[in-house]
Amino acid sequence: MKKLWLLVVVLLLAFLAWRWYFPPQAPAIAVNTAQGQEGDEIKALLDSMDRVSDFPPRESYQAIADRPLFFSKRRPPPPYVPAPPGKKPPPKPPRKMGKPRFQLSAVIIVGDKKYALIKGGRQKGSRRVRVGDEVDGWKVTRLDADKLVLSNGGETEELLLRNYKPVLPVKNVPRKPTTKNKNAPKKAPPKAAARKR
């Protein structure tokens, strides 16, 4: 079996070496046209393609331009009109901010200084804020021992400090052994007490 595999490998290597040193040649195409006639033949071919009568006239394809397939309303976009020089486009109306997506983690009071730790918003991790700081478009207006008040224009939002219930320790209850000794003697069921008459 090893000799057969060795023979196959030797033959494959010999074939690859033969192709490496003697690569196949592309077939030569005989050109019988005289110099200067080649351009005339190409022109005649292109003229014959223009005279194909199976296609409808170009005006019949206007519906494709009027109702483009890949636009949601099937209407072409309006033409681009550049803004006149010196005029700025009108400012966009301020985007309405939704409710803040923050979580009040802790309130730190050291002397007369108060800080709050909040999570969420545009930044990852916790942030330390105090009264007057701005957080994602919301301004910290009040900080109490158990809540943080944010305002944005006329809107206000309160973040309450979560009050977690204390976790009571679980009493250790002795468990019954799960494995039974096969060699242990079996206990007799208790006898019913005889009633006295």
C-alpha atoms as a PDB file:
ATOM      1  CA  MET A   1       0.000   0.000   0.000  1.00  0.00           C
ATOM      2  CA  LYS A   2       2.877   2.374   0.830  1.00  0.00           C
ATOM      3  CA  LYS A   3       4.472   1.717  -2.562  1.00  0.00           C
ATOM      4  CA  LEU A   4       1.235   2.642  -4.325  1.00  0.00           C
ATOM      5  CA  TRP A   5       0.999   5.961  -2.457  1.00  0.00           C
ATOM      6  CA  LEU A   6       4.659   6.691  -3.154  1.00  0.00           C
ATOM      7  CA  LEU A   7       4.097   6.029  -6.866  1.00  0.00           C
ATOM      8  CA  VAL A   8       1.058   8.381  -6.932  1.00  0.00           C
ATOM      9  CA  VAL A   9       3.024  11.167  -5.206  1.00  0.00           C
ATOM     10  CA  VAL A  10       6.008  10.778  -7.592  1.00  0.00           C
ATOM     11  CA  LEU A  11       3.718  10.894 -10.658  1.00  0.00           C
ATOM     12  CA  LEU A  12       1.927  13.989  -9.323  1.00  0.00           C
ATOM     13  CA  LEU A  13       5.216  15.770  -8.692  1.00  0.00           C
ATOM     14  CA  ALA A  14       6.456  14.841 -12.171  1.00  0.00           C
ATOM     15  CA  PHE A  15       3.258  16.225 -13.755  1.00  0.00           C
ATOM     16  CA  LEU A  16       3.536  19.488 -11.814  1.00  0.00           C
ATOM     17  CA  ALA A  17       7.214  19.891 -12.789  1.00  0.00           C
ATOM     18  CA  TRP A  18       6.375  19.265 -16.459  1.00  0.00           C
ATOM     19  CA  ARG A  19       3.630  21.921 -16.360  1.00  0.00           C
ATOM     20  CA  TRP A  20       5.962  24.327 -14.570  1.00  0.00           C
ATOM     21  CA  TYR A  21       8.684  24.106 -17.205  1.00  0.00           C
ATOM     22  CA  PHE A  22       6.349  23.740 -20.217  1.00  0.00           C
ATOM     23  CA  PRO A  23       3.189  25.802 -19.510  1.00  0.00           C
ATOM     24  CA  PRO A  24       0.305  25.436 -21.957  1.00  0.00           C
ATOM     25  CA  GLN A  25       0.262  28.034 -24.700  1.00  0.00           C
ATOM     26  CA  ALA A  26      -2.838  30.010 -25.630  1.00  0.00           C
ATOM     27  CA  PRO A  27      -4.138  29.162 -29.091  1.00  0.00           C
ATOM     28  CA  ALA A  28      -3.196  31.699 -31.723  1.00  0.00           C
ATOM     29  CA  ILE A  29      -6.074  33.420 -33.500  1.00  0.00           C
ATOM     30  CA  ALA A  30      -5.528  34.016 -37.179  1.00  0.00           C
ATOM     31  CA  VAL A  31      -6.497  37.527 -38.261  1.00  0.00           C
ATOM     32  CA  ASN A  32      -7.193  37.823 -41.985  1.00  0.00           C
ATOM     33  CA  THR A  33      -8.204  41.477 -41.997  1.00  0.00           C
ATOM     34  CA  ALA A  34      -5.901  43.983 -43.572  1.00  0.00           C
ATOM     35  CA  GLN A  35      -4.555  46.978 -41.703  1.00  0.00           C
ATOM     36  CA  GLY A  36      -7.212  49.698 -41.392  1.00  0.00           C
ATOM     37  CA  GLN A  37     -10.212  47.397 -41.852  1.00  0.00           C
ATOM     38  CA  GLU A  38     -10.435  46.526 -38.152  1.00  0.00           C
ATOM     39  CA  GLY A  39     -11.968  49.903 -37.198  1.00  0.00           C
ATOM     40  CA  ASP A  40     -14.509  49.638 -40.022  1.00  0.00           C
ATOM     41  CA  GLU A  41     -15.732  46.260 -38.771  1.00  0.00           C
ATOM     42  CA  ILE A  42     -16.213  47.570 -35.227  1.00  0.00           C
ATOM     43  CA  LYS A  43     -18.135  50.564 -36.551  1.00  0.00           C
ATOM     44  CA  ALA A  44     -20.358  48.318 -38.665  1.00  0.00           C
ATOM     45  CA  LEU A  45     -21.043  46.111 -35.630  1.00  0.00           C
ATOM     46  CA  LEU A  46     -21.995  49.084 -33.459  1.00  0.00           C
ATOM     47  CA  ASP A  47     -24.254  50.482 -36.195  1.00  0.00           C
ATOM     48  CA  SER A  48     -26.052  47.153 -36.490  1.00  0.00           C
ATOM     49  CA  MET A  49     -26.614  47.149 -32.729  1.00  0.00           C
ATOM     50  CA  ASP A  50     -28.233  50.585 -32.901  1.00  0.00           C
ATOM     51  CA  ARG A  51     -30.660  49.331 -35.528  1.00  0.00           C
ATOM     52  CA  VAL A  52     -32.073  46.522 -33.365  1.00  0.00           C
ATOM     53  CA  SER A  53     -35.829  46.957 -33.575  1.00  0.00           C
ATOM     54  CA  ASP A  54     -36.929  44.690 -30.719  1.00  0.00           C
ATOM     55  CA  PHE A  55     -36.535  47.382 -28.049  1.00  0.00           C
ATOM     56  CA  PRO A  56     -39.234  50.006 -27.442  1.00  0.00           C
ATOM     57  CA  PRO A  57     -38.355  53.680 -27.979  1.00  0.00           C
ATOM     58  CA  ARG A  58     -36.502  55.568 -25.254  1.00  0.00           C
ATOM     59  CA  GLU A  59     -39.589  57.610 -24.292  1.00  0.00           C
ATOM     60  CA  SER A  60     -41.367  54.486 -23.038  1.00  0.00           C
ATOM     61  CA  TYR A  61     -38.812  54.187 -20.203  1.00  0.00           C
ATOM     62  CA  GLN A  62     -39.769  57.587 -18.753  1.00  0.00           C
ATOM     63  CA  ALA A  63     -42.088  55.923 -16.199  1.00  0.00           C
ATOM     64  CA  ILE A  64     -39.053  54.368 -14.514  1.00  0.00           C
ATOM     65  CA  ALA A  65     -37.524  57.798 -13.939  1.00  0.00           C
ATOM     66  CA  ASP A  66     -40.865  59.273 -12.799  1.00  0.00           C
ATOM     67  CA  ARG A  67     -41.532  56.499 -10.257  1.00  0.00           C
ATOM     68  CA  PRO A  68     -38.166  55.186  -8.985  1.00  0.00           C
ATOM     69  CA  LEU A  69     -38.373  51.719  -7.530  1.00  0.00           C
ATOM     70  CA  PHE A  70     -36.082  52.179  -4.534  1.00  0.00           C
ATOM     71  CA  PHE A  71     -37.678  55.324  -3.053  1.00  0.00           C
ATOM     72  CA  SER A  72     -40.316  54.849  -0.352  1.00  0.00           C
ATOM     73  CA  LYS A  73     -42.897  57.209  -1.923  1.00  0.00           C
ATOM     74  CA  ARG A  74     -42.005  56.214  -5.500  1.00  0.00           C
ATOM     75  CA  ARG A  75     -41.208  59.836  -6.357  1.00  0.00           C
ATOM     76  CA  PRO A  76     -37.794  61.190  -7.401  1.00  0.00           C
ATOM     77  CA  PRO A  77     -36.028  63.412  -4.883  1.00  0.00           C
ATOM     78  CA  PRO A  78     -36.387  67.171  -5.324  1.00  0.00           C
ATOM     79  CA  PRO A  79     -33.576  68.801  -7.281  1.00  0.00           C
ATOM     80  CA  TYR A  80     -30.722  70.211  -5.227  1.00  0.00           C
ATOM     81  CA  VAL A  81     -30.868  73.973  -4.904  1.00  0.00           C
ATOM     82  CA  PRO A  82     -27.777  75.487  -3.281  1.00  0.00           C
ATOM     83  CA  ALA A  83     -28.383  78.092  -0.589  1.00  0.00           C
ATOM     84  CA  PRO A  84     -27.595  81.676  -1.601  1.00  0.00           C
ATOM     85  CA  PRO A  85     -24.263  82.861  -0.237  1.00  0.00           C
ATOM     86  CA  GLY A  86     -24.375  84.701   3.080  1.00  0.00           C
ATOM     87  CA  LYS A  87     -27.658  83.175   4.253  1.00  0.00           C
ATOM     88  CA  LYS A  88     -27.603  80.580   6.986  1.00  0.00           C
ATOM     89  CA  PRO A  89     -30.236  77.867   7.116  1.00  0.00           C
ATOM     90  CA  PRO A  90     -32.844  78.399   9.850  1.00  0.00           C
ATOM     91  CA  PRO A  91     -31.896  76.730  13.127  1.00  0.00           C
ATOM     92  CA  LYS A  92     -33.547  73.435  13.875  1.00  0.00           C
ATOM     93  CA  PRO A  93     -36.052  73.485  16.731  1.00  0.00           C
ATOM     94  CA  PRO A  94     -34.612  72.059  19.944  1.00  0.00           C
ATOM     95  CA  ARG A  95     -35.128  68.349  20.213  1.00  0.00           C
ATOM     96  CA  LYS A  96     -37.465  67.380  22.983  1.00  0.00           C
ATOM     97  CA  MET A  97     -35.554  65.479  25.612  1.00  0.00           C
ATOM     98  CA  GLY A  98     -37.242  62.388  26.935  1.00  0.00           C
ATOM     99  CA  LYS A  99     -37.187  61.358  30.543  1.00  0.00           C
ATOM    100  CA  PRO A 100     -33.658  60.984  31.868  1.00  0.00           C
ATOM    101  CA  ARG A 101     -32.505  57.406  32.061  1.00  0.00           C
ATOM    102  CA  PHE A 102     -30.421  57.625  35.186  1.00  0.00           C
ATOM    103  CA  GLN A 103     -30.313  55.664  38.392  1.00  0.00           C
ATOM    104  CA  LEU A 104     -29.326  57.326  41.658  1.00  0.00           C
ATOM    105  CA  SER A 105     -26.792  55.023  43.313  1.00  0.00           C
ATOM    106  CA  ALA A 106     -25.694  57.021  46.359  1.00  0.00           C
ATOM    107  CA  VAL A 107     -25.795  60.430  48.023  1.00  0.00           C
ATOM    108  CA  ILE A 108     -22.596  61.539  49.747  1.00  0.00           C
ATOM    109  CA  ILE A 109     -22.743  64.341  52.300  1.00  0.00           C
ATOM    110  CA  VAL A 110     -19.441  65.576  53.733  1.00  0.00           C
ATOM    111  CA  GLY A 111     -19.863  68.649  55.903  1.00  0.00           C
ATOM    112  CA  ASP A 112     -21.721  71.202  53.784  1.00  0.00           C
ATOM    113  CA  LYS A 113     -20.819  69.530  50.468  1.00  0.00           C
ATOM    114  CA  LYS A 114     -23.275  67.156  48.786  1.00  0.00           C
ATOM    115  CA  TYR A 115     -22.536  64.805  45.912  1.00  0.00           C
ATOM    116  CA  ALA A 116     -24.570  62.169  44.143  1.00  0.00           C
ATOM    117  CA  LEU A 117     -23.432  59.083  42.249  1.00  0.00           C
ATOM    118  CA  ILE A 118     -25.565  58.308  39.215  1.00  0.00           C
ATOM    119  CA  LYS A 119     -25.432  55.560  36.610  1.00  0.00           C
ATOM    120  CA  GLY A 120     -26.754  55.514  33.055  1.00  0.00           C
ATOM    121  CA  GLY A 121     -27.141  58.111  30.359  1.00  0.00           C
ATOM    122  CA  ARG A 122     -24.608  58.584  27.589  1.00  0.00           C
ATOM    123  CA  GLN A 123     -21.576  57.657  29.697  1.00  0.00           C
ATOM    124  CA  LYS A 124     -20.828  54.198  30.972  1.00  0.00           C
ATOM    125  CA  GLY A 125     -20.145  53.674  34.631  1.00  0.00           C
ATOM    126  CA  SER A 126     -20.887  55.953  37.584  1.00  0.00           C
ATOM    127  CA  ARG A 127     -20.622  59.743  37.611  1.00  0.00           C
ATOM    128  CA  ARG A 128     -20.313  62.153  40.521  1.00  0.00           C
ATOM    129  CA  VAL A 129     -22.555  65.226  40.233  1.00  0.00           C
ATOM    130  CA  ARG A 130     -23.527  68.125  42.489  1.00  0.00           C
ATOM    131  CA  VAL A 131     -26.044  70.985  42.320  1.00  0.00           C
ATOM    132  CA  GLY A 132     -25.481  73.096  39.202  1.00  0.00           C
ATOM    133  CA  ASP A 133     -23.876  70.354  37.078  1.00  0.00           C
ATOM    134  CA  GLU A 134     -25.333  69.457  33.688  1.00  0.00           C
ATOM    135  CA  VAL A 135     -25.832  65.812  32.760  1.00  0.00           C
ATOM    136  CA  ASP A 136     -26.862  64.916  29.179  1.00  0.00           C
ATOM    137  CA  GLY A 137     -28.879  68.143  28.780  1.00  0.00           C
ATOM    138  CA  TRP A 138     -30.437  67.978  32.280  1.00  0.00           C
ATOM    139  CA  LYS A 139     -29.366  70.319  35.078  1.00  0.00           C
ATOM    140  CA  VAL A 140     -29.063  69.192  38.692  1.00  0.00           C
ATOM    141  CA  THR A 141     -31.232  71.650  40.652  1.00  0.00           C
ATOM    142  CA  ARG A 142     -31.617  70.003  44.061  1.00  0.00           C
ATOM    143  CA  LEU A 143     -29.937  67.250  46.028  1.00  0.00           C
ATOM    144  CA  ASP A 144     -31.430  65.784  49.188  1.00  0.00           C
ATOM    145  CA  ALA A 145     -30.369  62.833  51.313  1.00  0.00           C
ATOM    146  CA  ASP A 146     -32.746  60.508  49.470  1.00  0.00           C
ATOM    147  CA  LYS A 147     -33.378  62.113  46.048  1.00  0.00           C
ATOM    148  CA  LEU A 148     -31.926  64.098  43.168  1.00  0.00           C
ATOM    149  CA  VAL A 149     -33.963  66.648  41.177  1.00  0.00           C
ATOM    150  CA  LEU A 150     -33.130  67.284  37.501  1.00  0.00           C
ATOM    151  CA  SER A 151     -34.632  70.012  35.302  1.00  0.00           C
ATOM    152  CA  ASN A 152     -34.660  70.738  31.591  1.00  0.00           C
ATOM    153  CA  GLY A 153     -36.463  73.960  30.747  1.00  0.00           C
ATOM    154  CA  GLY A 154     -39.930  73.556  32.277  1.00  0.00           C
ATOM    155  CA  GLU A 155     -39.616  69.825  32.925  1.00  0.00           C
ATOM    156  CA  THR A 156     -38.451  68.399  36.232  1.00  0.00           C
ATOM    157  CA  GLU A 157     -37.672  64.820  37.141  1.00  0.00           C
ATOM    158  CA  GLU A 158     -36.921  63.282  40.531  1.00  0.00           C
ATOM    159  CA  LEU A 159     -34.563  60.347  40.979  1.00  0.00           C
ATOM    160  CA  LEU A 160     -35.160  58.566  44.261  1.00  0.00           C
ATOM    161  CA  LEU A 161     -32.455  56.697  46.106  1.00  0.00           C
ATOM    162  CA  ARG A 162     -33.435  53.058  46.120  1.00  0.00           C
ATOM    163  CA  ASN A 163     -34.247  51.641  49.505  1.00  0.00           C
ATOM    164  CA  TYR A 164     -33.210  48.020  49.428  1.00  0.00           C
ATOM    165  CA  LYS A 165     -34.694  45.649  51.965  1.00  0.00           C
ATOM    166  CA  PRO A 166     -32.092  44.033  54.198  1.00  0.00           C
ATOM    167  CA  VAL A 167     -31.286  40.466  53.338  1.00  0.00           C
ATOM    168  CA  LEU A 168     -31.831  38.235  56.340  1.00  0.00           C
ATOM    169  CA  PRO A 169     -29.509  35.289  56.835  1.00  0.00           C
ATOM    170  CA  VAL A 170     -30.957  31.886  56.110  1.00  0.00           C
ATOM    171  CA  LYS A 171     -31.190  29.566  59.099  1.00  0.00           C
ATOM    172  CA  ASN A 172     -29.188  26.403  58.686  1.00  0.00           C
ATOM    173  CA  VAL A 173     -31.626  23.530  58.831  1.00  0.00           C
ATOM    174  CA  PRO A 174     -30.013  20.102  59.300  1.00  0.00           C
ATOM    175  CA  ARG A 175     -30.652  17.963  56.290  1.00  0.00           C
ATOM    176  CA  LYS A 176     -31.503  14.310  56.313  1.00  0.00           C
ATOM    177  CA  PRO A 177     -28.804  12.092  54.871  1.00  0.00           C
ATOM    178  CA  THR A 178     -29.564  11.235  51.292  1.00  0.00           C
ATOM    179  CA  THR A 179     -27.523   8.049  51.074  1.00  0.00           C
ATOM    180  CA  LYS A 180     -28.731   4.939  52.842  1.00  0.00           C
ATOM    181  CA  ASN A 181     -26.479   2.256  54.149  1.00  0.00           C
ATOM    182  CA  LYS A 182     -27.548  -1.040  52.623  1.00  0.00           C
ATOM    183  CA  ASN A 183     -26.005  -3.089  55.425  1.00  0.00           C
ATOM    184  CA  ALA A 184     -27.812  -1.202  58.203  1.00  0.00           C
ATOM    185  CA  PRO A 185     -30.550  -3.229  59.929  1.00  0.00           C
ATOM    186  CA  LYS A 186     -34.069  -2.251  59.032  1.00  0.00           C
ATOM    187  CA  LYS A 187     -36.159  -0.715  61.752  1.00  0.00           C
ATOM    188  CA  ALA A 188     -39.418  -2.382  62.570  1.00  0.00           C
ATOM    189  CA  PRO A 189     -42.467  -0.186  62.202  1.00  0.00           C
ATOM    190  CA  PRO A 190     -43.778   1.076  65.540  1.00  0.00           C
ATOM    191  CA  LYS A 191     -46.540  -1.065  67.011  1.00  0.00           C
ATOM    192  CA  ALA A 192     -49.851   0.504  67.668  1.00  0.00           C
ATOM    193  CA  ALA A 193     -50.496   1.008  71.337  1.00  0.00           C
ATOM    194  CA  ALA A 194     -53.103  -1.377  72.670  1.00  0.00           C
ATOM    195  CA  ARG A 195     -56.138   0.315  74.005  1.00  0.00           C
ATOM    196  CA  LYS A 196     -57.189  -0.457  77.524  1.00  0.00           C
ATOM    197  CA  ARG A 197     -60.765  -1.380  78.135  1.00  0.00           C
END
